[in-house]
Each structure stands twice: as C-alpha cells, then as structure tokens.
Amino acid sequence: MTATVRLAAIFHRSLARRAASKLGEAQRPEVEDLVRHTRRLTPAAVHFLYKDVGDADLAETRRQLERAGSPAPTSVYTGAHDPRWLRDGLREVLNSLDWGDENVGSVVTVLPHDVRRSLELARLALRSAWPEAWSEHNTLVEYLVFVQGPVRSATLQSTFGAIYAELQEAGDPLRMFELLLHETAHHALSLREQFTRFIDNPDALGTHALRPDPRPLRGVLHAAFVMCRIAEGLRRYEHSHPAGGPLDGCPVSERRTFALQSLQAALTLLNESAQWTEDGLVLKAALETCARREAADLEVRS
C-alpha cells in the first residue's frame, strides 16, 4: 500500500506539471506550489491532459490542482450526465466492447435501493476483511460511475480515477465486492505500468476467462492480476467472517474457486506466450505465489 501511495503521488504530480506547462510562462509560477502538493487529479483533469482537449485556463487549472491536494474517499458519481470526460469515457468503454452506438449506455446518478444496499454491504465487507485493499481503493479511485447498458465494469487510463459499473449487476453484494477489487486492481496495475514494462510483447494475442475473444497479452496479465486480488479478497473475507457477515448467503466459496481457476488459466497462457521483463518476472513470481497460496487454502477448507 505504501508503494501504491507513493507511485500515485508521483503519477499525479507528473500530470499536474503537464497541466502547468500548458499555461503561459507568466502564469506557471502561480500554480507551482499546488503542483508540488498534488495527490490525486480528478478524472476530468486526467482526461483533459490525456486527450489534449481545449485550451489551458489559469482559473480552471488552479481549481483542479486545489482539489488534487486533498482527495476525498471514493464516492458514487452524482454530477451532470454530460461533461466531456464522462461522455468520452463512456463512449470509449462501449467502443472497447464493440458497441458502435453510444446510446446503448447511459449514466445513472440516482441509485435504486438494491444497488445502494449492495454497495453498502460490499464496502463493509472489503473494509473489514482487507483494510489495505480498502485503503488502496480510496487512494486510487474517486468515482464509481454507474451505467445502464452493456458495460459490466471498466477502467480507462484516459479517465484514471473513475470506475464504470453496470447498474443491474451491481445489485448483487458479492458481485459488487468483486467489482471493487477488480477495478481497483486494474487501477493499481495500470499505475505501475506508467513506470515499467512487465512483458515485452504486450500486443501479442491470447485469450483468458474474463474475455474469451482474443485479447492482447497485456489484457491477460491484467486478468491474472485481477483474479489474484479477487481470490485473495474472498479468502480474507471467509477467514474474517466464518459465521456470516455482510456477504452472508452469497456463494463466496464458488467464486473463490472460479477466481483461482481463472488465475491459473491466465498464468498458463502467459507462461506459454509472454516475454517477461525483469520486473515482469518479479510480478510473475508474486502471481504464482498467490495461486499456490489460494489453492492450498481451498484444499484445506474442502
């Protein structure tokens, strides 16, 4: 967790310096102190910098950097439905799923009771079972953006700090618990990818349990990382709540088995096809350790 906080601060400060560089030379000194204290830019600010949309404005840059100095815990997005970052982000998610019509998805800012209850239970489960993962979630993610449409869940580098989640599936507490772990894991690995490479052939194609269509090996690596986090999170939950808890009545053990099998399948493909870097070998070893640990624990519990 300490490494995540440090890397996140470096990443966001680098983006803040890029924002300052877009200002006129005479204006930059007015935001230098804010750049030094940046901790987490909003998804809107990240989108502005990644997509290079619009002209730099001193007042808006100052406002964004002031917000970036004291980030709040993750919250449900309840703002306007049409800011540029959100429209572009949802369009990018839908395009990644081969939905050409952006009208098939829409942002929901008033959650149904079952989704609000599901989120409450999932947050309680994560906070109680794995405090470090809960802290990482609140460090990296600013908004949960709920969507009506064929999305399931997604994270984008261009709107880093936002998780897109399909509304209907989010009504199940266990699925919501997995979603929090899943998309925070994507954030954590994407953050590390800003500083290093894990495989030298990330664009070579392969398949994995989460996306049966051929995907770049980078996606397979993300699937392995995500499934490791989900398997560990579910194990920690079962150990923390042996007599029931926020996810009582949910098929936690079945989902643990699925997560482990998916992790093992992704690792098999990566070991067959990936050209690992030095840092990649370290990550590979950690994922293999995770797989062995989770398999051993499931065997003991069976």
Foldseek 3Di string as FASTA:
>chain_A
DVVLQVLQLVVQLVLLVVLLVLDDPVLSVVCVVLSVQFRHFALVSLLCSVVVDDGRDSVVSNVRSVCRNDADFADADQDDFDDPSNLVVLCVLCVVVVNNDSVQKGWDRDADPLLVLLLVLLLVLCCQLPVVLNVLLRRWAHHETEMAHDRQWDADSSRGRYIYHYRVQSSQNLSVNLSSLLVSLVSSVVSVVVPDDFFPQQQDWDAFDVGRPIGGLVVLLSLLSSLLSLLVSLVSSCVSCVPAGSNPPPPSLVVNVVSLVRNVRSLVVCVVDTHGDPVNVVVSVVSVVSSVVSVVVNVVVD
